[in-house]
Amino acid sequence: MLKIREIRESLDKKLDHWEASATAFEAQLQQTKEQALAKLEVRKKRLNEAVEKFKSEVATTKGISEEKKEQIQAQFDDLQVQLALGKAEARDAFGAQRKKIQHSLDSLEATLDRHLDLWTLPAKPPNDKSLEKAADKFVAAAIEYEAEADALEAQLFMKKAGAKAQFEKKKSDLLAQIDEFKTQLQGKRDMAKDKAATFEKELSAGISQIKQAFKTLSD
């Protein structure tokens, strides 16, 4: 089974991450703060569901000591506690909550990767990929949550003085930039994987420009 880090760094998941980020920033330009907060709560719920499924698969996995399994379960539990916290609407409260969730997420993934090579599935048929599927869905849900939280944080930390007029003036330009990026991204998905290195930097730079443009939208 691949390590969580390797799943995250796979080409498909990188493309998923860039697409999720572009989509989240696009949505932030067209929805209210309340709608954005509600959408983040949906992402948190989906991540929690993926965590619960992954936790269940780990609990029944053979070939790992009970001590190490307990360490992993403790990290699962900690992340679920953080995800269960109520909606944080104020800017500073949101930032603090996001840091706690991200710290728990990073700690869980690091703990999983420390013990992942020890996992074997002697009691399951060779074609039983339930653990791998649970891990993949967990990473996918984490990517979607992170993209949504990143975009919402950018909106909450936008400068407010005189923002409305400038926001409306620049919004259409940024939406066009995001649309162009997503079109470009779809084209890259159709390219052969052996050409990945030639466009990874290009796409990474593209999403960074979108983030920066969003943060300075109301300057």
C-alpha atoms as a PDB file:
ATOM      1  CA  MET A   1       0.000   0.000   0.000  1.00  0.00           C
ATOM      2  CA  LEU A   2       1.213   3.495  -0.811  1.00  0.00           C
ATOM      3  CA  LYS A   3       2.034   5.940   1.941  1.00  0.00           C
ATOM      4  CA  ILE A   4      -0.339   8.863   2.405  1.00  0.00           C
ATOM      5  CA  ARG A   5       2.429  11.208   1.264  1.00  0.00           C
ATOM      6  CA  GLU A   6       2.822   9.229  -1.965  1.00  0.00           C
ATOM      7  CA  ILE A   7      -0.924   9.362  -2.613  1.00  0.00           C
ATOM      8  CA  ARG A   8      -0.910  13.134  -2.100  1.00  0.00           C
ATOM      9  CA  GLU A   9       2.068  13.545  -4.418  1.00  0.00           C
ATOM     10  CA  SER A  10       0.615  11.424  -7.222  1.00  0.00           C
ATOM     11  CA  LEU A  11      -0.152  13.280 -10.437  1.00  0.00           C
ATOM     12  CA  ASP A  12      -3.891  12.660 -10.193  1.00  0.00           C
ATOM     13  CA  LYS A  13      -4.090  14.060  -6.669  1.00  0.00           C
ATOM     14  CA  LYS A  14      -1.981  17.097  -7.591  1.00  0.00           C
ATOM     15  CA  LEU A  15      -4.359  17.840 -10.442  1.00  0.00           C
ATOM     16  CA  ASP A  16      -7.303  17.308  -8.086  1.00  0.00           C
ATOM     17  CA  HIS A  17      -5.742  19.758  -5.634  1.00  0.00           C
ATOM     18  CA  TRP A  18      -5.246  22.482  -8.258  1.00  0.00           C
ATOM     19  CA  GLU A  19      -8.755  22.002  -9.613  1.00  0.00           C
ATOM     20  CA  ALA A  20     -10.297  22.067  -6.132  1.00  0.00           C
ATOM     21  CA  SER A  21      -8.382  25.263  -5.327  1.00  0.00           C
ATOM     22  CA  ALA A  22      -9.472  27.028  -8.515  1.00  0.00           C
ATOM     23  CA  THR A  23     -13.088  25.951  -8.009  1.00  0.00           C
ATOM     24  CA  ALA A  24     -13.076  27.087  -4.372  1.00  0.00           C
ATOM     25  CA  PHE A  25     -11.688  30.524  -5.226  1.00  0.00           C
ATOM     26  CA  GLU A  26     -14.204  30.853  -8.038  1.00  0.00           C
ATOM     27  CA  ALA A  27     -17.037  30.057  -5.638  1.00  0.00           C
ATOM     28  CA  GLN A  28     -15.781  32.615  -3.121  1.00  0.00           C
ATOM     29  CA  LEU A  29     -16.276  35.325  -5.735  1.00  0.00           C
ATOM     30  CA  GLN A  30     -19.927  34.405  -6.194  1.00  0.00           C
ATOM     31  CA  GLN A  31     -21.227  33.554  -2.734  1.00  0.00           C
ATOM     32  CA  THR A  32     -21.786  35.290   0.580  1.00  0.00           C
ATOM     33  CA  LYS A  33     -19.698  34.719   3.677  1.00  0.00           C
ATOM     34  CA  GLU A  34     -22.550  32.700   5.204  1.00  0.00           C
ATOM     35  CA  GLN A  35     -22.783  30.481   2.117  1.00  0.00           C
ATOM     36  CA  ALA A  36     -19.025  29.978   2.133  1.00  0.00           C
ATOM     37  CA  LEU A  37     -19.020  28.994   5.810  1.00  0.00           C
ATOM     38  CA  ALA A  38     -21.879  26.558   5.220  1.00  0.00           C
ATOM     39  CA  LYS A  39     -19.997  24.969   2.318  1.00  0.00           C
ATOM     40  CA  LEU A  40     -16.896  24.548   4.470  1.00  0.00           C
ATOM     41  CA  GLU A  41     -19.002  22.749   7.066  1.00  0.00           C
ATOM     42  CA  VAL A  42     -20.098  20.328   4.337  1.00  0.00           C
ATOM     43  CA  ARG A  43     -16.439  19.693   3.477  1.00  0.00           C
ATOM     44  CA  LYS A  44     -15.652  19.104   7.152  1.00  0.00           C
ATOM     45  CA  LYS A  45     -18.509  16.604   7.386  1.00  0.00           C
ATOM     46  CA  ARG A  46     -17.326  14.716   4.295  1.00  0.00           C
ATOM     47  CA  LEU A  47     -13.772  14.628   5.632  1.00  0.00           C
ATOM     48  CA  ASN A  48     -15.044  13.292   8.951  1.00  0.00           C
ATOM     49  CA  GLU A  49     -16.970  10.558   7.128  1.00  0.00           C
ATOM     50  CA  ALA A  50     -13.842   9.598   5.189  1.00  0.00           C
ATOM     51  CA  VAL A  51     -11.838   9.575   8.425  1.00  0.00           C
ATOM     52  CA  GLU A  52     -14.391   7.295  10.083  1.00  0.00           C
ATOM     53  CA  LYS A  53     -14.254   4.820   7.191  1.00  0.00           C
ATOM     54  CA  PHE A  54     -10.450   4.861   7.102  1.00  0.00           C
ATOM     55  CA  LYS A  55     -10.297   4.447  10.895  1.00  0.00           C
ATOM     56  CA  SER A  56     -12.584   1.426  10.677  1.00  0.00           C
ATOM     57  CA  GLU A  57     -10.396  -0.181   7.995  1.00  0.00           C
ATOM     58  CA  VAL A  58      -7.244   0.405  10.047  1.00  0.00           C
ATOM     59  CA  ALA A  59      -8.866  -1.108  13.148  1.00  0.00           C
ATOM     60  CA  THR A  60      -9.436  -4.427  11.349  1.00  0.00           C
ATOM     61  CA  THR A  61      -6.079  -4.513   9.564  1.00  0.00           C
ATOM     62  CA  LYS A  62      -3.698  -7.347  10.449  1.00  0.00           C
ATOM     63  CA  GLY A  63       0.085  -7.183  10.587  1.00  0.00           C
ATOM     64  CA  ILE A  64       0.536  -4.151  12.826  1.00  0.00           C
ATOM     65  CA  SER A  65       1.134  -4.132  16.575  1.00  0.00           C
ATOM     66  CA  GLU A  66      -1.632  -3.041  18.900  1.00  0.00           C
ATOM     67  CA  GLU A  67       0.616  -0.319  20.296  1.00  0.00           C
ATOM     68  CA  LYS A  68       1.137   1.271  16.895  1.00  0.00           C
ATOM     69  CA  LYS A  69      -2.503   0.790  16.003  1.00  0.00           C
ATOM     70  CA  GLU A  70      -3.487   2.656  19.181  1.00  0.00           C
ATOM     71  CA  GLN A  71      -1.227   5.553  18.199  1.00  0.00           C
ATOM     72  CA  ILE A  72      -2.946   5.794  14.831  1.00  0.00           C
ATOM     73  CA  GLN A  73      -6.432   5.546  16.357  1.00  0.00           C
ATOM     74  CA  ALA A  74      -5.576   8.350  18.812  1.00  0.00           C
ATOM     75  CA  GLN A  75      -4.660  10.615  15.887  1.00  0.00           C
ATOM     76  CA  PHE A  76      -7.883   9.716  14.076  1.00  0.00           C
ATOM     77  CA  ASP A  77      -9.848  10.610  17.221  1.00  0.00           C
ATOM     78  CA  ASP A  78      -8.039  13.928  17.659  1.00  0.00           C
ATOM     79  CA  LEU A  79      -8.820  14.983  14.090  1.00  0.00           C
ATOM     80  CA  GLN A  80     -12.463  14.038  14.501  1.00  0.00           C
ATOM     81  CA  VAL A  81     -12.686  16.141  17.669  1.00  0.00           C
ATOM     82  CA  GLN A  82     -11.339  19.146  15.770  1.00  0.00           C
ATOM     83  CA  LEU A  83     -13.696  18.583  12.834  1.00  0.00           C
ATOM     84  CA  ALA A  84     -16.675  18.366  15.199  1.00  0.00           C
ATOM     85  CA  LEU A  85     -16.104  21.860  16.586  1.00  0.00           C
ATOM     86  CA  GLY A  86     -18.782  24.372  15.679  1.00  0.00           C
ATOM     87  CA  LYS A  87     -18.668  26.905  12.862  1.00  0.00           C
ATOM     88  CA  ALA A  88     -16.110  29.688  13.429  1.00  0.00           C
ATOM     89  CA  GLU A  89     -17.422  32.869  11.801  1.00  0.00           C
ATOM     90  CA  ALA A  90     -15.065  35.531  13.136  1.00  0.00           C
ATOM     91  CA  ARG A  91     -11.802  35.934  11.220  1.00  0.00           C
ATOM     92  CA  ASP A  92      -9.444  35.209  14.117  1.00  0.00           C
ATOM     93  CA  ALA A  93     -11.552  32.326  15.423  1.00  0.00           C
ATOM     94  CA  PHE A  94     -11.650  30.798  11.956  1.00  0.00           C
ATOM     95  CA  GLY A  95      -7.878  31.105  11.587  1.00  0.00           C
ATOM     96  CA  ALA A  96      -7.284  29.464  14.954  1.00  0.00           C
ATOM     97  CA  GLN A  97      -9.690  26.607  14.220  1.00  0.00           C
ATOM     98  CA  ARG A  98      -8.194  26.021  10.805  1.00  0.00           C
ATOM     99  CA  LYS A  99      -4.681  25.776  12.267  1.00  0.00           C
ATOM    100  CA  LYS A 100      -5.852  23.176  14.800  1.00  0.00           C
ATOM    101  CA  ILE A 101      -7.557  21.074  12.132  1.00  0.00           C
ATOM    102  CA  GLN A 102      -4.550  21.275   9.816  1.00  0.00           C
ATOM    103  CA  HIS A 103      -2.178  20.358  12.649  1.00  0.00           C
ATOM    104  CA  SER A 104      -4.313  17.306  13.508  1.00  0.00           C
ATOM    105  CA  LEU A 105      -4.491  16.342   9.853  1.00  0.00           C
ATOM    106  CA  ASP A 106      -0.733  16.646   9.386  1.00  0.00           C
ATOM    107  CA  SER A 107      -0.059  14.689  12.589  1.00  0.00           C
ATOM    108  CA  LEU A 108      -2.393  11.887  11.500  1.00  0.00           C
ATOM    109  CA  GLU A 109      -0.790  11.597   8.078  1.00  0.00           C
ATOM    110  CA  ALA A 110       2.713  11.598   9.597  1.00  0.00           C
ATOM    111  CA  THR A 111       1.719   8.861  12.061  1.00  0.00           C
ATOM    112  CA  LEU A 112       0.152   6.780   9.290  1.00  0.00           C
ATOM    113  CA  ASP A 113       3.277   7.077   7.165  1.00  0.00           C
ATOM    114  CA  ARG A 114       5.530   6.018  10.041  1.00  0.00           C
ATOM    115  CA  HIS A 115       3.636   2.738  10.355  1.00  0.00           C
ATOM    116  CA  LEU A 116       2.301   2.177   6.849  1.00  0.00           C
ATOM    117  CA  ASP A 117       5.109  -0.112   5.675  1.00  0.00           C
ATOM    118  CA  LEU A 118       4.250  -2.509   8.492  1.00  0.00           C
ATOM    119  CA  TRP A 119       0.740  -3.058   7.196  1.00  0.00           C
ATOM    120  CA  THR A 120       0.048  -6.389   5.546  1.00  0.00           C
ATOM    121  CA  LEU A 121      -3.245  -8.000   4.732  1.00  0.00           C
ATOM    122  CA  PRO A 122      -2.716 -11.738   5.307  1.00  0.00           C
ATOM    123  CA  ALA A 123      -6.344 -12.332   6.262  1.00  0.00           C
ATOM    124  CA  LYS A 124      -7.775 -10.650   3.168  1.00  0.00           C
ATOM    125  CA  PRO A 125      -7.876 -11.816  -0.457  1.00  0.00           C
ATOM    126  CA  PRO A 126      -5.213 -10.263  -2.707  1.00  0.00           C
ATOM    127  CA  ASN A 127      -7.873  -8.354  -4.636  1.00  0.00           C
ATOM    128  CA  ASP A 128      -9.341  -6.761  -1.490  1.00  0.00           C
ATOM    129  CA  LYS A 129      -8.383  -3.101  -1.810  1.00  0.00           C
ATOM    130  CA  SER A 130     -10.717  -1.727   0.861  1.00  0.00           C
ATOM    131  CA  LEU A 131      -7.894  -0.179   2.921  1.00  0.00           C
ATOM    132  CA  GLU A 132      -6.303   1.417  -0.147  1.00  0.00           C
ATOM    133  CA  LYS A 133      -9.666   2.786  -1.275  1.00  0.00           C
ATOM    134  CA  ALA A 134     -10.346   4.217   2.177  1.00  0.00           C
ATOM    135  CA  ALA A 135      -6.933   5.901   2.193  1.00  0.00           C
ATOM    136  CA  ASP A 136      -7.520   7.372  -1.264  1.00  0.00           C
ATOM    137  CA  LYS A 137     -10.943   8.734  -0.301  1.00  0.00           C
ATOM    138  CA  PHE A 138      -9.458  10.194   2.873  1.00  0.00           C
ATOM    139  CA  VAL A 139      -6.803  12.069   0.902  1.00  0.00           C
ATOM    140  CA  ALA A 140      -9.390  13.270  -1.629  1.00  0.00           C
ATOM    141  CA  ALA A 141     -11.648  14.597   1.149  1.00  0.00           C
ATOM    142  CA  ALA A 142      -8.687  16.277   2.860  1.00  0.00           C
ATOM    143  CA  ILE A 143      -7.709  18.006  -0.382  1.00  0.00           C
ATOM    144  CA  GLU A 144     -11.247  19.325  -0.878  1.00  0.00           C
ATOM    145  CA  TYR A 145     -11.416  20.596   2.711  1.00  0.00           C
ATOM    146  CA  GLU A 146      -8.005  22.299   2.466  1.00  0.00           C
ATOM    147  CA  ALA A 147      -8.904  24.022  -0.802  1.00  0.00           C
ATOM    148  CA  GLU A 148     -12.205  25.304   0.618  1.00  0.00           C
ATOM    149  CA  ALA A 149     -10.572  26.498   3.854  1.00  0.00           C
ATOM    150  CA  ASP A 150      -7.767  28.210   1.954  1.00  0.00           C
ATOM    151  CA  ALA A 151     -10.177  30.148  -0.239  1.00  0.00           C
ATOM    152  CA  LEU A 152     -12.462  31.100   2.650  1.00  0.00           C
ATOM    153  CA  GLU A 153      -9.513  32.329   4.683  1.00  0.00           C
ATOM    154  CA  ALA A 154      -8.477  34.556   1.778  1.00  0.00           C
ATOM    155  CA  GLN A 155     -11.965  36.078   1.722  1.00  0.00           C
ATOM    156  CA  LEU A 156     -12.081  36.634   5.487  1.00  0.00           C
ATOM    157  CA  PHE A 157      -8.681  38.314   5.496  1.00  0.00           C
ATOM    158  CA  MET A 158      -9.417  40.646   2.575  1.00  0.00           C
ATOM    159  CA  LYS A 159      -8.960  44.332   3.321  1.00  0.00           C
ATOM    160  CA  LYS A 160     -12.359  45.865   3.996  1.00  0.00           C
ATOM    161  CA  ALA A 161     -11.874  49.613   3.545  1.00  0.00           C
ATOM    162  CA  GLY A 162     -13.508  50.619   0.262  1.00  0.00           C
ATOM    163  CA  ALA A 163     -13.494  46.990  -0.775  1.00  0.00           C
ATOM    164  CA  LYS A 164     -16.947  46.664  -2.336  1.00  0.00           C
ATOM    165  CA  ALA A 165     -16.444  48.903  -5.378  1.00  0.00           C
ATOM    166  CA  GLN A 166     -12.962  47.602  -6.108  1.00  0.00           C
ATOM    167  CA  PHE A 167     -14.121  44.033  -5.565  1.00  0.00           C
ATOM    168  CA  GLU A 168     -16.841  44.343  -8.194  1.00  0.00           C
ATOM    169  CA  LYS A 169     -14.452  46.060 -10.581  1.00  0.00           C
ATOM    170  CA  LYS A 170     -11.808  43.344 -10.380  1.00  0.00           C
ATOM    171  CA  LYS A 171     -14.012  40.295  -9.830  1.00  0.00           C
ATOM    172  CA  SER A 172     -14.830  39.673 -13.498  1.00  0.00           C
ATOM    173  CA  ASP A 173     -11.148  39.788 -14.429  1.00  0.00           C
ATOM    174  CA  LEU A 174     -10.245  37.222 -11.775  1.00  0.00           C
ATOM    175  CA  LEU A 175     -13.153  34.976 -12.758  1.00  0.00           C
ATOM    176  CA  ALA A 176     -11.840  35.019 -16.330  1.00  0.00           C
ATOM    177  CA  GLN A 177      -8.365  34.148 -15.049  1.00  0.00           C
ATOM    178  CA  ILE A 178      -9.732  31.210 -13.048  1.00  0.00           C
ATOM    179  CA  ASP A 179     -11.760  29.977 -16.023  1.00  0.00           C
ATOM    180  CA  GLU A 180      -8.655  30.068 -18.207  1.00  0.00           C
ATOM    181  CA  PHE A 181      -6.695  28.148 -15.592  1.00  0.00           C
ATOM    182  CA  LYS A 182      -9.380  25.447 -15.309  1.00  0.00           C
ATOM    183  CA  THR A 183      -9.461  25.061 -19.097  1.00  0.00           C
ATOM    184  CA  GLN A 184      -5.698  24.706 -19.114  1.00  0.00           C
ATOM    185  CA  LEU A 185      -5.889  22.217 -16.247  1.00  0.00           C
ATOM    186  CA  GLN A 186      -8.321  19.986 -18.138  1.00  0.00           C
ATOM    187  CA  GLY A 187      -5.937  19.931 -21.062  1.00  0.00           C
ATOM    188  CA  LYS A 188      -3.120  18.802 -18.797  1.00  0.00           C
ATOM    189  CA  ARG A 189      -5.249  15.935 -17.473  1.00  0.00           C
ATOM    190  CA  ASP A 190      -5.419  14.605 -21.012  1.00  0.00           C
ATOM    191  CA  MET A 191      -1.649  14.613 -21.446  1.00  0.00           C
ATOM    192  CA  ALA A 192       0.472  11.554 -20.872  1.00  0.00           C
ATOM    193  CA  LYS A 193       1.816  11.158 -17.337  1.00  0.00           C
ATOM    194  CA  ASP A 194       5.399  11.068 -18.592  1.00  0.00           C
ATOM    195  CA  LYS A 195       5.034  14.741 -19.505  1.00  0.00           C
ATOM    196  CA  ALA A 196       3.963  15.728 -15.994  1.00  0.00           C
ATOM    197  CA  ALA A 197       7.224  17.384 -15.020  1.00  0.00           C
ATOM    198  CA  THR A 198       6.899  19.855 -17.876  1.00  0.00           C
ATOM    199  CA  PHE A 199       3.683  21.406 -16.572  1.00  0.00           C
ATOM    200  CA  GLU A 200       3.642  20.864 -12.799  1.00  0.00           C
ATOM    201  CA  LYS A 201       5.576  24.079 -12.162  1.00  0.00           C
ATOM    202  CA  GLU A 202       3.371  25.917 -14.643  1.00  0.00           C
ATOM    203  CA  LEU A 203       0.139  24.884 -12.923  1.00  0.00           C
ATOM    204  CA  SER A 204       1.534  25.478  -9.441  1.00  0.00           C
ATOM    205  CA  ALA A 205       2.528  29.001 -10.472  1.00  0.00           C
ATOM    206  CA  GLY A 206      -0.912  29.526 -11.990  1.00  0.00           C
ATOM    207  CA  ILE A 207      -2.819  28.697  -8.805  1.00  0.00           C
ATOM    208  CA  SER A 208      -0.374  30.805  -6.767  1.00  0.00           C
ATOM    209  CA  GLN A 209      -1.158  33.784  -8.997  1.00  0.00           C
ATOM    210  CA  ILE A 210      -4.884  33.231  -8.478  1.00  0.00           C
ATOM    211  CA  LYS A 211      -4.429  33.129  -4.692  1.00  0.00           C
ATOM    212  CA  GLN A 212      -2.359  36.295  -4.717  1.00  0.00           C
ATOM    213  CA  ALA A 213      -4.827  38.074  -6.983  1.00  0.00           C
ATOM    214  CA  PHE A 214      -7.666  37.108  -4.673  1.00  0.00           C
ATOM    215  CA  LYS A 215      -5.860  38.388  -1.596  1.00  0.00           C
ATOM    216  CA  THR A 216      -5.205  41.750  -3.240  1.00  0.00           C
ATOM    217  CA  LEU A 217      -8.639  41.979  -4.874  1.00  0.00           C
ATOM    218  CA  SER A 218      -9.804  44.787  -2.634  1.00  0.00           C
ATOM    219  CA  ASP A 219      -6.545  46.750  -2.461  1.00  0.00           C
END
